[in-house]
Amino acid sequence: MLERMDSFRQVLPAMLAPAVRQAPLTPEKVQFAWRAACGPAIARATAVTLADGILTVTAEEGSWAREVHRLRHDLVRRLEPWLGAGVITRLEVPAASTRRPRRPRPSTPPSAQ
């Protein structure tokens, strides 16, 4: 049964992607392709916009932003079957959301005098 499900998960995108690729480029199409490319967990934690070939990914938390930033090249490759080669020239994650939060410095106890 699991083998059949794995086969289905591989075959369905191969059959569906050409039809999606032929559809007009709309925000809904980009959202659909994003969810298919990154999976439901990342898709729930992010929002995407596409303008002039730049896919901007905004994450609700810094940890998701860092993960998307780390995977950005792979994600662009995964989007190509859905949107077409060269539609996305760059994937950006706003810099403010990719910074790791600073850890507070440990306070030094006052020296005993």
PDB file of N, CA and C in Angstrom:
ATOM      1  N   MET A   1       0.813  -1.193   0.000  1.00  0.00           N
ATOM      2  CA  MET A   1       0.000   0.000   0.000  1.00  0.00           C
ATOM      3  C   MET A   1       0.861   1.263   0.000  1.00  0.00           C
ATOM      4  N   LEU A   2       1.918   1.286   0.862  1.00  0.00           N
ATOM      5  CA  LEU A   2       2.798   2.446   0.910  1.00  0.00           C
ATOM      6  C   LEU A   2       3.545   2.643  -0.398  1.00  0.00           C
ATOM      7  N   GLU A   3       3.932   1.544  -1.039  1.00  0.00           N
ATOM      8  CA  GLU A   3       4.616   1.653  -2.325  1.00  0.00           C
ATOM      9  C   GLU A   3       3.705   2.315  -3.350  1.00  0.00           C
ATOM     10  N   ARG A   4       2.447   1.970  -3.330  1.00  0.00           N
ATOM     11  CA  ARG A   4       1.488   2.561  -4.266  1.00  0.00           C
ATOM     12  C   ARG A   4       1.340   4.057  -4.000  1.00  0.00           C
ATOM     13  N   MET A   5       1.296   4.460  -2.720  1.00  0.00           N
ATOM     14  CA  MET A   5       1.181   5.875  -2.377  1.00  0.00           C
ATOM     15  C   MET A   5       2.427   6.645  -2.821  1.00  0.00           C
ATOM     16  N   ASP A   6       3.614   6.046  -2.629  1.00  0.00           N
ATOM     17  CA  ASP A   6       4.842   6.707  -3.071  1.00  0.00           C
ATOM     18  C   ASP A   6       4.846   6.884  -4.578  1.00  0.00           C
ATOM     19  N   SER A   7       4.410   5.890  -5.301  1.00  0.00           N
ATOM     20  CA  SER A   7       4.333   5.991  -6.755  1.00  0.00           C
ATOM     21  C   SER A   7       3.357   7.081  -7.165  1.00  0.00           C
ATOM     22  N   PHE A   8       2.238   7.147  -6.485  1.00  0.00           N
ATOM     23  CA  PHE A   8       1.223   8.160  -6.775  1.00  0.00           C
ATOM     24  C   PHE A   8       1.785   9.562  -6.543  1.00  0.00           C
ATOM     25  N   ARG A   9       2.536   9.733  -5.459  1.00  0.00           N
ATOM     26  CA  ARG A   9       3.127  11.039  -5.141  1.00  0.00           C
ATOM     27  C   ARG A   9       4.160  11.463  -6.179  1.00  0.00           C
ATOM     28  N   GLN A  10       4.778  10.522  -6.844  1.00  0.00           N
ATOM     29  CA  GLN A  10       5.753  10.848  -7.875  1.00  0.00           C
ATOM     30  C   GLN A  10       5.092  11.076  -9.224  1.00  0.00           C
ATOM     31  N   VAL A  11       4.076  10.299  -9.538  1.00  0.00           N
ATOM     32  CA  VAL A  11       3.436  10.369 -10.851  1.00  0.00           C
ATOM     33  C   VAL A  11       2.520  11.581 -10.967  1.00  0.00           C
ATOM     34  N   LEU A  12       1.765  11.884  -9.939  1.00  0.00           N
ATOM     35  CA  LEU A  12       0.810  12.981 -10.012  1.00  0.00           C
ATOM     36  C   LEU A  12       1.469  14.313 -10.388  1.00  0.00           C
ATOM     37  N   PRO A  13       2.548  14.740  -9.705  1.00  0.00           N
ATOM     38  CA  PRO A  13       3.175  15.995 -10.118  1.00  0.00           C
ATOM     39  C   PRO A  13       3.678  15.957 -11.566  1.00  0.00           C
ATOM     40  N   ALA A  14       4.201  14.826 -11.993  1.00  0.00           N
ATOM     41  CA  ALA A  14       4.691  14.717 -13.371  1.00  0.00           C
ATOM     42  C   ALA A  14       3.557  14.885 -14.375  1.00  0.00           C
ATOM     43  N   MET A  15       2.370  14.432 -14.012  1.00  0.00           N
ATOM     44  CA  MET A  15       1.217  14.564 -14.905  1.00  0.00           C
ATOM     45  C   MET A  15       0.581  15.951 -14.807  1.00  0.00           C
ATOM     46  N   LEU A  16       0.556  16.515 -13.627  1.00  0.00           N
ATOM     47  CA  LEU A  16      -0.129  17.773 -13.379  1.00  0.00           C
ATOM     48  C   LEU A  16       0.710  19.004 -13.730  1.00  0.00           C
ATOM     49  N   ALA A  17       2.018  18.934 -13.520  1.00  0.00           N
ATOM     50  CA  ALA A  17       2.891  20.095 -13.724  1.00  0.00           C
ATOM     51  C   ALA A  17       2.795  20.694 -15.125  1.00  0.00           C
ATOM     52  N   PRO A  18       2.780  19.904 -16.211  1.00  0.00           N
ATOM     53  CA  PRO A  18       2.670  20.533 -17.537  1.00  0.00           C
ATOM     54  C   PRO A  18       1.388  21.341 -17.716  1.00  0.00           C
ATOM     55  N   ALA A  19       0.287  20.873 -17.169  1.00  0.00           N
ATOM     56  CA  ALA A  19      -0.974  21.611 -17.279  1.00  0.00           C
ATOM     57  C   ALA A  19      -0.903  22.909 -16.482  1.00  0.00           C
ATOM     58  N   VAL A  20      -0.328  22.859 -15.297  1.00  0.00           N
ATOM     59  CA  VAL A  20      -0.192  24.055 -14.467  1.00  0.00           C
ATOM     60  C   VAL A  20       0.746  25.045 -15.152  1.00  0.00           C
ATOM     61  N   ARG A  21       1.827  24.552 -15.716  1.00  0.00           N
ATOM     62  CA  ARG A  21       2.806  25.408 -16.376  1.00  0.00           C
ATOM     63  C   ARG A  21       2.183  26.197 -17.532  1.00  0.00           C
ATOM     64  N   GLN A  22       1.209  25.616 -18.220  1.00  0.00           N
ATOM     65  CA  GLN A  22       0.563  26.266 -19.359  1.00  0.00           C
ATOM     66  C   GLN A  22      -0.439  27.340 -18.941  1.00  0.00           C
ATOM     67  N   ALA A  23      -0.891  27.301 -17.714  1.00  0.00           N
ATOM     68  CA  ALA A  23      -1.870  28.281 -17.231  1.00  0.00           C
ATOM     69  C   ALA A  23      -1.211  29.649 -17.084  1.00  0.00           C
ATOM     70  N   PRO A  24      -2.004  30.721 -17.156  1.00  0.00           N
ATOM     71  CA  PRO A  24      -1.443  32.067 -16.966  1.00  0.00           C
ATOM     72  C   PRO A  24      -0.785  32.203 -15.592  1.00  0.00           C
ATOM     73  N   LEU A  25       0.233  33.032 -15.530  1.00  0.00           N
ATOM     74  CA  LEU A  25       0.960  33.256 -14.285  1.00  0.00           C
ATOM     75  C   LEU A  25       0.146  34.198 -13.395  1.00  0.00           C
ATOM     76  N   THR A  26      -0.457  33.643 -12.373  1.00  0.00           N
ATOM     77  CA  THR A  26      -1.280  34.402 -11.434  1.00  0.00           C
ATOM     78  C   THR A  26      -0.748  34.177 -10.020  1.00  0.00           C
ATOM     79  N   PRO A  27      -1.119  35.023  -9.073  1.00  0.00           N
ATOM     80  CA  PRO A  27      -0.710  34.783  -7.687  1.00  0.00           C
ATOM     81  C   PRO A  27      -1.174  33.418  -7.172  1.00  0.00           C
ATOM     82  N   GLU A  28      -2.358  32.983  -7.600  1.00  0.00           N
ATOM     83  CA  GLU A  28      -2.870  31.671  -7.160  1.00  0.00           C
ATOM     84  C   GLU A  28      -2.004  30.534  -7.703  1.00  0.00           C
ATOM     85  N   LYS A  29      -1.566  30.672  -8.932  1.00  0.00           N
ATOM     86  CA  LYS A  29      -0.693  29.652  -9.524  1.00  0.00           C
ATOM     87  C   LYS A  29       0.645  29.608  -8.790  1.00  0.00           C
ATOM     88  N   VAL A  30       1.179  30.762  -8.452  1.00  0.00           N
ATOM     89  CA  VAL A  30       2.448  30.823  -7.716  1.00  0.00           C
ATOM     90  C   VAL A  30       2.277  30.180  -6.336  1.00  0.00           C
ATOM     91  N   GLN A  31       1.164  30.468  -5.666  1.00  0.00           N
ATOM     92  CA  GLN A  31       0.888  29.866  -4.355  1.00  0.00           C
ATOM     93  C   GLN A  31       0.799  28.345  -4.461  1.00  0.00           C
ATOM     94  N   PHE A  32       0.092  27.861  -5.475  1.00  0.00           N
ATOM     95  CA  PHE A  32      -0.050  26.421  -5.680  1.00  0.00           C
ATOM     96  C   PHE A  32       1.313  25.778  -5.921  1.00  0.00           C
ATOM     97  N   ALA A  33       2.101  26.386  -6.799  1.00  0.00           N
ATOM     98  CA  ALA A  33       3.428  25.852  -7.107  1.00  0.00           C
ATOM     99  C   ALA A  33       4.325  25.876  -5.877  1.00  0.00           C
ATOM    100  N   TRP A  34       4.236  26.945  -5.092  1.00  0.00           N
ATOM    101  CA  TRP A  34       5.038  27.061  -3.877  1.00  0.00           C
ATOM    102  C   TRP A  34       4.713  25.927  -2.914  1.00  0.00           C
ATOM    103  N   ARG A  35       3.432  25.678  -2.698  1.00  0.00           N
ATOM    104  CA  ARG A  35       3.031  24.602  -1.785  1.00  0.00           C
ATOM    105  C   ARG A  35       3.513  23.243  -2.291  1.00  0.00           C
ATOM    106  N   ALA A  36       3.412  23.032  -3.598  1.00  0.00           N
ATOM    107  CA  ALA A  36       3.867  21.761  -4.175  1.00  0.00           C
ATOM    108  C   ALA A  36       5.378  21.615  -4.062  1.00  0.00           C
ATOM    109  N   ALA A  37       6.106  22.709  -4.192  1.00  0.00           N
ATOM    110  CA  ALA A  37       7.566  22.654  -4.184  1.00  0.00           C
ATOM    111  C   ALA A  37       8.161  22.539  -2.784  1.00  0.00           C
ATOM    112  N   CYS A  38       7.559  23.234  -1.816  1.00  0.00           N
ATOM    113  CA  CYS A  38       8.182  23.280  -0.494  1.00  0.00           C
ATOM    114  C   CYS A  38       7.510  22.374   0.535  1.00  0.00           C
ATOM    115  N   GLY A  39       6.294  21.961   0.275  1.00  0.00           N
ATOM    116  CA  GLY A  39       5.583  21.116   1.224  1.00  0.00           C
ATOM    117  C   GLY A  39       4.679  21.932   2.125  1.00  0.00           C
ATOM    118  N   PRO A  40       3.755  21.267   2.790  1.00  0.00           N
ATOM    119  CA  PRO A  40       2.732  21.977   3.563  1.00  0.00           C
ATOM    120  C   PRO A  40       3.260  22.731   4.784  1.00  0.00           C
ATOM    121  N   ALA A  41       4.276  22.222   5.449  1.00  0.00           N
ATOM    122  CA  ALA A  41       4.759  22.893   6.661  1.00  0.00           C
ATOM    123  C   ALA A  41       5.361  24.254   6.337  1.00  0.00           C
ATOM    124  N   ILE A  42       6.267  24.299   5.366  1.00  0.00           N
ATOM    125  CA  ILE A  42       6.875  25.574   4.990  1.00  0.00           C
ATOM    126  C   ILE A  42       5.820  26.483   4.374  1.00  0.00           C
ATOM    127  N   ALA A  43       4.929  25.931   3.568  1.00  0.00           N
ATOM    128  CA  ALA A  43       3.892  26.745   2.922  1.00  0.00           C
ATOM    129  C   ALA A  43       2.999  27.437   3.956  1.00  0.00           C
ATOM    130  N   ARG A  44       2.670  26.736   5.038  1.00  0.00           N
ATOM    131  CA  ARG A  44       1.833  27.333   6.088  1.00  0.00           C
ATOM    132  C   ARG A  44       2.555  28.470   6.812  1.00  0.00           C
ATOM    133  N   ALA A  45       3.876  28.367   6.912  1.00  0.00           N
ATOM    134  CA  ALA A  45       4.653  29.339   7.686  1.00  0.00           C
ATOM    135  C   ALA A  45       5.175  30.502   6.846  1.00  0.00           C
ATOM    136  N   THR A  46       4.846  30.527   5.559  1.00  0.00           N
ATOM    137  CA  THR A  46       5.390  31.554   4.675  1.00  0.00           C
ATOM    138  C   THR A  46       4.312  32.142   3.766  1.00  0.00           C
ATOM    139  N   ALA A  47       4.653  33.275   3.179  1.00  0.00           N
ATOM    140  CA  ALA A  47       3.834  33.899   2.135  1.00  0.00           C
ATOM    141  C   ALA A  47       4.781  34.249   0.998  1.00  0.00           C
ATOM    142  N   VAL A  48       4.316  34.112  -0.247  1.00  0.00           N
ATOM    143  CA  VAL A  48       5.180  34.390  -1.388  1.00  0.00           C
ATOM    144  C   VAL A  48       4.534  35.387  -2.337  1.00  0.00           C
ATOM    145  N   THR A  49       5.390  36.183  -2.965  1.00  0.00           N
ATOM    146  CA  THR A  49       4.979  37.065  -4.048  1.00  0.00           C
ATOM    147  C   THR A  49       6.036  36.974  -5.134  1.00  0.00           C
ATOM    148  N   LEU A  50       5.599  37.079  -6.379  1.00  0.00           N
ATOM    149  CA  LEU A  50       6.508  37.012  -7.517  1.00  0.00           C
ATOM    150  C   LEU A  50       6.369  38.291  -8.324  1.00  0.00           C
ATOM    151  N   ALA A  51       7.478  38.980  -8.519  1.00  0.00           N
ATOM    152  CA  ALA A  51       7.497  40.199  -9.324  1.00  0.00           C
ATOM    153  C   ALA A  51       8.836  40.294 -10.035  1.00  0.00           C
ATOM    154  N   ASP A  52       8.795  40.483 -11.340  1.00  0.00           N
ATOM    155  CA  ASP A  52      10.006  40.643 -12.152  1.00  0.00           C
ATOM    156  C   ASP A  52      11.004  39.501 -11.963  1.00  0.00           C
ATOM    157  N   GLY A  53      10.500  38.292 -11.826  1.00  0.00           N
ATOM    158  CA  GLY A  53      11.358  37.119 -11.691  1.00  0.00           C
ATOM    159  C   GLY A  53      11.885  36.863 -10.298  1.00  0.00           C
ATOM    160  N   ILE A  54      11.569  37.736  -9.365  1.00  0.00           N
ATOM    161  CA  ILE A  54      12.051  37.584  -7.990  1.00  0.00           C
ATOM    162  C   ILE A  54      10.917  37.066  -7.123  1.00  0.00           C
ATOM    163  N   LEU A  55      11.124  35.887  -6.560  1.00  0.00           N
ATOM    164  CA  LEU A  55      10.158  35.320  -5.628  1.00  0.00           C
ATOM    165  C   LEU A  55      10.562  35.771  -4.234  1.00  0.00           C
ATOM    166  N   THR A  56       9.707  36.552  -3.606  1.00  0.00           N
ATOM    167  CA  THR A  56       9.972  37.030  -2.253  1.00  0.00           C
ATOM    168  C   THR A  56       9.181  36.164  -1.289  1.00  0.00           C
ATOM    169  N   VAL A  57       9.904  35.585  -0.342  1.00  0.00           N
ATOM    170  CA  VAL A  57       9.296  34.701   0.651  1.00  0.00           C
ATOM    171  C   VAL A  57       9.378  35.384   2.006  1.00  0.00           C
ATOM    172  N   THR A  58       8.236  35.606   2.605  1.00  0.00           N
ATOM    173  CA  THR A  58       8.167  36.203   3.931  1.00  0.00           C
ATOM    174  C   THR A  58       7.733  35.123   4.905  1.00  0.00           C
ATOM    175  N   ALA A  59       8.500  34.964   5.949  1.00  0.00           N
ATOM    176  CA  ALA A  59       8.213  33.919   6.931  1.00  0.00           C
ATOM    177  C   ALA A  59       7.695  34.535   8.213  1.00  0.00           C
ATOM    178  N   GLU A  60       6.824  33.791   8.892  1.00  0.00           N
ATOM    179  CA  GLU A  60       6.266  34.300  10.146  1.00  0.00           C
ATOM    180  C   GLU A  60       7.263  34.217  11.297  1.00  0.00           C
ATOM    181  N   GLU A  61       8.267  33.372  11.161  1.00  0.00           N
ATOM    182  CA  GLU A  61       9.281  33.237  12.208  1.00  0.00           C
ATOM    183  C   GLU A  61      10.664  33.173  11.571  1.00  0.00           C
ATOM    184  N   GLY A  62      11.635  33.656  12.301  1.00  0.00           N
ATOM    185  CA  GLY A  62      13.007  33.658  11.805  1.00  0.00           C
ATOM    186  C   GLY A  62      13.538  32.278  11.477  1.00  0.00           C
ATOM    187  N   SER A  63      13.124  31.274  12.237  1.00  0.00           N
ATOM    188  CA  SER A  63      13.613  29.916  11.966  1.00  0.00           C
ATOM    189  C   SER A  63      13.134  29.423  10.599  1.00  0.00           C
ATOM    190  N   TRP A  64      11.894  29.748  10.234  1.00  0.00           N
ATOM    191  CA  TRP A  64      11.387  29.366   8.906  1.00  0.00           C
ATOM    192  C   TRP A  64      12.107  30.157   7.825  1.00  0.00           C
ATOM    193  N   ALA A  65      12.356  31.426   8.078  1.00  0.00           N
ATOM    194  CA  ALA A  65      13.070  32.247   7.096  1.00  0.00           C
ATOM    195  C   ALA A  65      14.463  31.690   6.846  1.00  0.00           C
ATOM    196  N   ARG A  66      15.156  31.300   7.896  1.00  0.00           N
ATOM    197  CA  ARG A  66      16.498  30.719   7.735  1.00  0.00           C
ATOM    198  C   ARG A  66      16.439  29.419   6.955  1.00  0.00           C
ATOM    199  N   GLU A  67      15.428  28.597   7.218  1.00  0.00           N
ATOM    200  CA  GLU A  67      15.291  27.327   6.505  1.00  0.00           C
ATOM    201  C   GLU A  67      15.041  27.564   5.015  1.00  0.00           C
ATOM    202  N   VAL A  68      14.153  28.487   4.698  1.00  0.00           N
ATOM    203  CA  VAL A  68      13.880  28.797   3.293  1.00  0.00           C
ATOM    204  C   VAL A  68      15.134  29.362   2.639  1.00  0.00           C
ATOM    205  N   HIS A  69      15.833  30.238   3.333  1.00  0.00           N
ATOM    206  CA  HIS A  69      17.065  30.810   2.789  1.00  0.00           C
ATOM    207  C   HIS A  69      18.081  29.700   2.496  1.00  0.00           C
ATOM    208  N   ARG A  70      18.204  28.767   3.407  1.00  0.00           N
ATOM    209  CA  ARG A  70      19.142  27.651   3.233  1.00  0.00           C
ATOM    210  C   ARG A  70      18.757  26.785   2.034  1.00  0.00           C
ATOM    211  N   LEU A  71      17.467  26.603   1.794  1.00  0.00           N
ATOM    212  CA  LEU A  71      16.965  25.732   0.724  1.00  0.00           C
ATOM    213  C   LEU A  71      16.684  26.472  -0.583  1.00  0.00           C
ATOM    214  N   ARG A  72      16.963  27.768  -0.655  1.00  0.00           N
ATOM    215  CA  ARG A  72      16.499  28.599  -1.761  1.00  0.00           C
ATOM    216  C   ARG A  72      16.851  28.065  -3.148  1.00  0.00           C
ATOM    217  N   HIS A  73      18.050  27.570  -3.357  1.00  0.00           N
ATOM    218  CA  HIS A  73      18.431  27.080  -4.685  1.00  0.00           C
ATOM    219  C   HIS A  73      17.648  25.821  -5.058  1.00  0.00           C
ATOM    220  N   ASP A  74      17.494  24.944  -4.099  1.00  0.00           N
ATOM    221  CA  ASP A  74      16.725  23.724  -4.328  1.00  0.00           C
ATOM    222  C   ASP A  74      15.250  24.054  -4.579  1.00  0.00           C
ATOM    223  N   LEU A  75      14.709  25.009  -3.846  1.00  0.00           N
ATOM    224  CA  LEU A  75      13.307  25.386  -4.017  1.00  0.00           C
ATOM    225  C   LEU A  75      13.056  25.983  -5.400  1.00  0.00           C
ATOM    226  N   VAL A  76      13.979  26.788  -5.899  1.00  0.00           N
ATOM    227  CA  VAL A  76      13.820  27.343  -7.252  1.00  0.00           C
ATOM    228  C   VAL A  76      13.793  26.213  -8.277  1.00  0.00           C
ATOM    229  N   ARG A  77      14.662  25.223  -8.111  1.00  0.00           N
ATOM    230  CA  ARG A  77      14.658  24.056  -9.029  1.00  0.00           C
ATOM    231  C   ARG A  77      13.341  23.292  -8.933  1.00  0.00           C
ATOM    232  N   ARG A  78      12.802  23.162  -7.729  1.00  0.00           N
ATOM    233  CA  ARG A  78      11.533  22.446  -7.554  1.00  0.00           C
ATOM    234  C   ARG A  78      10.344  23.212  -8.133  1.00  0.00           C
ATOM    235  N   LEU A  79      10.466  24.521  -8.232  1.00  0.00           N
ATOM    236  CA  LEU A  79       9.386  25.337  -8.788  1.00  0.00           C
ATOM    237  C   LEU A  79       9.362  25.309 -10.316  1.00  0.00           C
ATOM    238  N   GLU A  80      10.490  25.041 -10.946  1.00  0.00           N
ATOM    239  CA  GLU A  80      10.574  25.084 -12.406  1.00  0.00           C
ATOM    240  C   GLU A  80       9.575  24.182 -13.124  1.00  0.00           C
ATOM    241  N   PRO A  81       9.365  22.941 -12.686  1.00  0.00           N
ATOM    242  CA  PRO A  81       8.375  22.111 -13.403  1.00  0.00           C
ATOM    243  C   PRO A  81       6.971  22.707 -13.356  1.00  0.00           C
ATOM    244  N   TRP A  82       6.672  23.459 -12.306  1.00  0.00           N
ATOM    245  CA  TRP A  82       5.335  24.026 -12.145  1.00  0.00           C
ATOM    246  C   TRP A  82       5.170  25.354 -12.875  1.00  0.00           C
ATOM    247  N   LEU A  83       6.210  26.184 -12.843  1.00  0.00           N
ATOM    248  CA  LEU A  83       6.096  27.533 -13.395  1.00  0.00           C
ATOM    249  C   LEU A  83       6.815  27.715 -14.726  1.00  0.00           C
ATOM    250  N   GLY A  84       7.804  26.875 -14.981  1.00  0.00           N
ATOM    251  CA  GLY A  84       8.603  26.988 -16.196  1.00  0.00           C
ATOM    252  C   GLY A  84      10.017  27.442 -15.857  1.00  0.00           C
ATOM    253  N   ALA A  85      10.958  27.039 -16.685  1.00  0.00           N
ATOM    254  CA  ALA A  85      12.362  27.406 -16.473  1.00  0.00           C
ATOM    255  C   ALA A  85      12.530  28.901 -16.686  1.00  0.00           C
ATOM    256  N   GLY A  86      13.271  29.541 -15.806  1.00  0.00           N
ATOM    257  CA  GLY A  86      13.574  30.956 -15.940  1.00  0.00           C
ATOM    258  C   GLY A  86      12.503  31.908 -15.454  1.00  0.00           C
ATOM    259  N   VAL A  87      11.354  31.409 -15.029  1.00  0.00           N
ATOM    260  CA  VAL A  87      10.302  32.303 -14.504  1.00  0.00           C
ATOM    261  C   VAL A  87      10.781  32.940 -13.204  1.00  0.00           C
ATOM    262  N   ILE A  88      11.425  32.138 -12.362  1.00  0.00           N
ATOM    263  CA  ILE A  88      11.995  32.663 -11.125  1.00  0.00           C
ATOM    264  C   ILE A  88      13.500  32.764 -11.333  1.00  0.00           C
ATOM    265  N   THR A  89      14.000  33.977 -11.283  1.00  0.00           N
ATOM    266  CA  THR A  89      15.441  34.184 -11.445  1.00  0.00           C
ATOM    267  C   THR A  89      16.162  34.245 -10.108  1.00  0.00           C
ATOM    268  N   ARG A  90      15.400  34.564  -9.063  1.00  0.00           N
ATOM    269  CA  ARG A  90      16.001  34.671  -7.735  1.00  0.00           C
ATOM    270  C   ARG A  90      14.922  34.486  -6.681  1.00  0.00           C
ATOM    271  N   LEU A  91      15.304  33.868  -5.576  1.00  0.00           N
ATOM    272  CA  LEU A  91      14.411  33.730  -4.427  1.00  0.00           C
ATOM    273  C   LEU A  91      15.024  34.542  -3.304  1.00  0.00           C
ATOM    274  N   GLU A  92      14.245  35.466  -2.770  1.00  0.00           N
ATOM    275  CA  GLU A  92      14.733  36.312  -1.683  1.00  0.00           C
ATOM    276  C   GLU A  92      13.907  36.109  -0.430  1.00  0.00           C
ATOM    277  N   VAL A  93      14.599  36.110   0.680  1.00  0.00           N
ATOM    278  CA  VAL A  93      13.950  36.096   1.993  1.00  0.00           C
ATOM    279  C   VAL A  93      14.392  37.400   2.643  1.00  0.00           C
ATOM    280  N   PRO A  94      13.470  38.273   2.985  1.00  0.00           N
ATOM    281  CA  PRO A  94      13.880  39.565   3.553  1.00  0.00           C
ATOM    282  C   PRO A  94      14.925  39.395   4.652  1.00  0.00           C
ATOM    283  N   ALA A  95      15.967  40.194   4.572  1.00  0.00           N
ATOM    284  CA  ALA A  95      17.123  40.060   5.468  1.00  0.00           C
ATOM    285  C   ALA A  95      16.751  40.134   6.932  1.00  0.00           C
ATOM    286  N   ALA A  96      15.809  40.963   7.271  1.00  0.00           N
ATOM    287  CA  ALA A  96      15.447  41.113   8.680  1.00  0.00           C
ATOM    288  C   ALA A  96      14.923  39.807   9.258  1.00  0.00           C
ATOM    289  N   SER A  97      14.248  39.009   8.436  1.00  0.00           N
ATOM    290  CA  SER A  97      13.668  37.782   8.974  1.00  0.00           C
ATOM    291  C   SER A  97      14.656  36.617   8.952  1.00  0.00           C
ATOM    292  N   THR A  98      15.833  36.785   8.313  1.00  0.00           N
ATOM    293  CA  THR A  98      16.792  35.682   8.281  1.00  0.00           C
ATOM    294  C   THR A  98      17.841  35.806   9.377  1.00  0.00           C
ATOM    295  N   ARG A  99      17.893  36.951  10.044  1.00  0.00           N
ATOM    296  CA  ARG A  99      18.871  37.114  11.112  1.00  0.00           C
ATOM    297  C   ARG A  99      18.476  36.280  12.316  1.00  0.00           C
ATOM    298  N   ARG A 100      19.474  35.679  12.894  1.00  0.00           N
ATOM    299  CA  ARG A 100      19.216  34.938  14.121  1.00  0.00           C
ATOM    300  C   ARG A 100      19.013  35.934  15.255  1.00  0.00           C
ATOM    301  N   PRO A 101      18.067  35.641  16.111  1.00  0.00           N
ATOM    302  CA  PRO A 101      17.887  36.558  17.245  1.00  0.00           C
ATOM    303  C   PRO A 101      19.130  36.542  18.123  1.00  0.00           C
ATOM    304  N   ARG A 102      19.492  37.698  18.596  1.00  0.00           N
ATOM    305  CA  ARG A 102      20.651  37.772  19.469  1.00  0.00           C
ATOM    306  C   ARG A 102      20.316  37.208  20.833  1.00  0.00           C
ATOM    307  N   ARG A 103      21.246  36.430  21.316  1.00  0.00           N
ATOM    308  CA  ARG A 103      21.073  35.925  22.670  1.00  0.00           C
ATOM    309  C   ARG A 103      21.557  36.990  23.640  1.00  0.00           C
ATOM    310  N   PRO A 104      20.821  37.188  24.690  1.00  0.00           N
ATOM    311  CA  PRO A 104      21.289  38.189  25.659  1.00  0.00           C
ATOM    312  C   PRO A 104      22.607  37.740  26.275  1.00  0.00           C
ATOM    313  N   ARG A 105      23.452  38.696  26.522  1.00  0.00           N
ATOM    314  CA  ARG A 105      24.723  38.371  27.166  1.00  0.00           C
ATOM    315  C   ARG A 105      24.452  37.959  28.609  1.00  0.00           C
ATOM    316  N   PRO A 106      25.183  36.975  29.046  1.00  0.00           N
ATOM    317  CA  PRO A 106      24.997  36.604  30.448  1.00  0.00           C
ATOM    318  C   PRO A 106      25.448  37.750  31.344  1.00  0.00           C
ATOM    319  N   SER A 107      24.654  37.993  32.313  1.00  0.00           N
ATOM    320  CA  SER A 107      25.045  39.070  33.231  1.00  0.00           C
ATOM    321  C   SER A 107      26.114  38.566  34.173  1.00  0.00           C
ATOM    322  N   THR A 108      27.064  39.402  34.402  1.00  0.00           N
ATOM    323  CA  THR A 108      28.145  39.019  35.338  1.00  0.00           C
ATOM    324  C   THR A 108      27.757  39.512  36.720  1.00  0.00           C
ATOM    325  N   PRO A 109      27.833  38.630  37.650  1.00  0.00           N
ATOM    326  CA  PRO A 109      27.472  39.059  39.003  1.00  0.00           C
ATOM    327  C   PRO A 109      28.463  40.099  39.503  1.00  0.00           C
ATOM    328  N   PRO A 110      27.982  41.040  40.272  1.00  0.00           N
ATOM    329  CA  PRO A 110      28.918  42.050  40.812  1.00  0.00           C
ATOM    330  C   PRO A 110      29.962  41.360  41.680  1.00  0.00           C
ATOM    331  N   SER A 111      31.157  41.840  41.546  1.00  0.00           N
ATOM    332  CA  SER A 111      32.243  41.199  42.326  1.00  0.00           C
ATOM    333  C   SER A 111      32.102  41.568  43.791  1.00  0.00           C
ATOM    334  N   ALA A 112      32.438  40.611  44.598  1.00  0.00           N
ATOM    335  CA  ALA A 112      32.339  40.820  46.044  1.00  0.00           C
ATOM    336  C   ALA A 112      33.504  41.686  46.495  1.00  0.00           C
ATOM    337  N   GLN A 113      33.234  42.699  47.224  1.00  0.00           N
ATOM    338  CA  GLN A 113      34.292  43.582  47.702  1.00  0.00           C
ATOM    339  C   GLN A 113      34.452  43.524  49.159  1.00  0.00           C
TER     340      GLN A 113
END
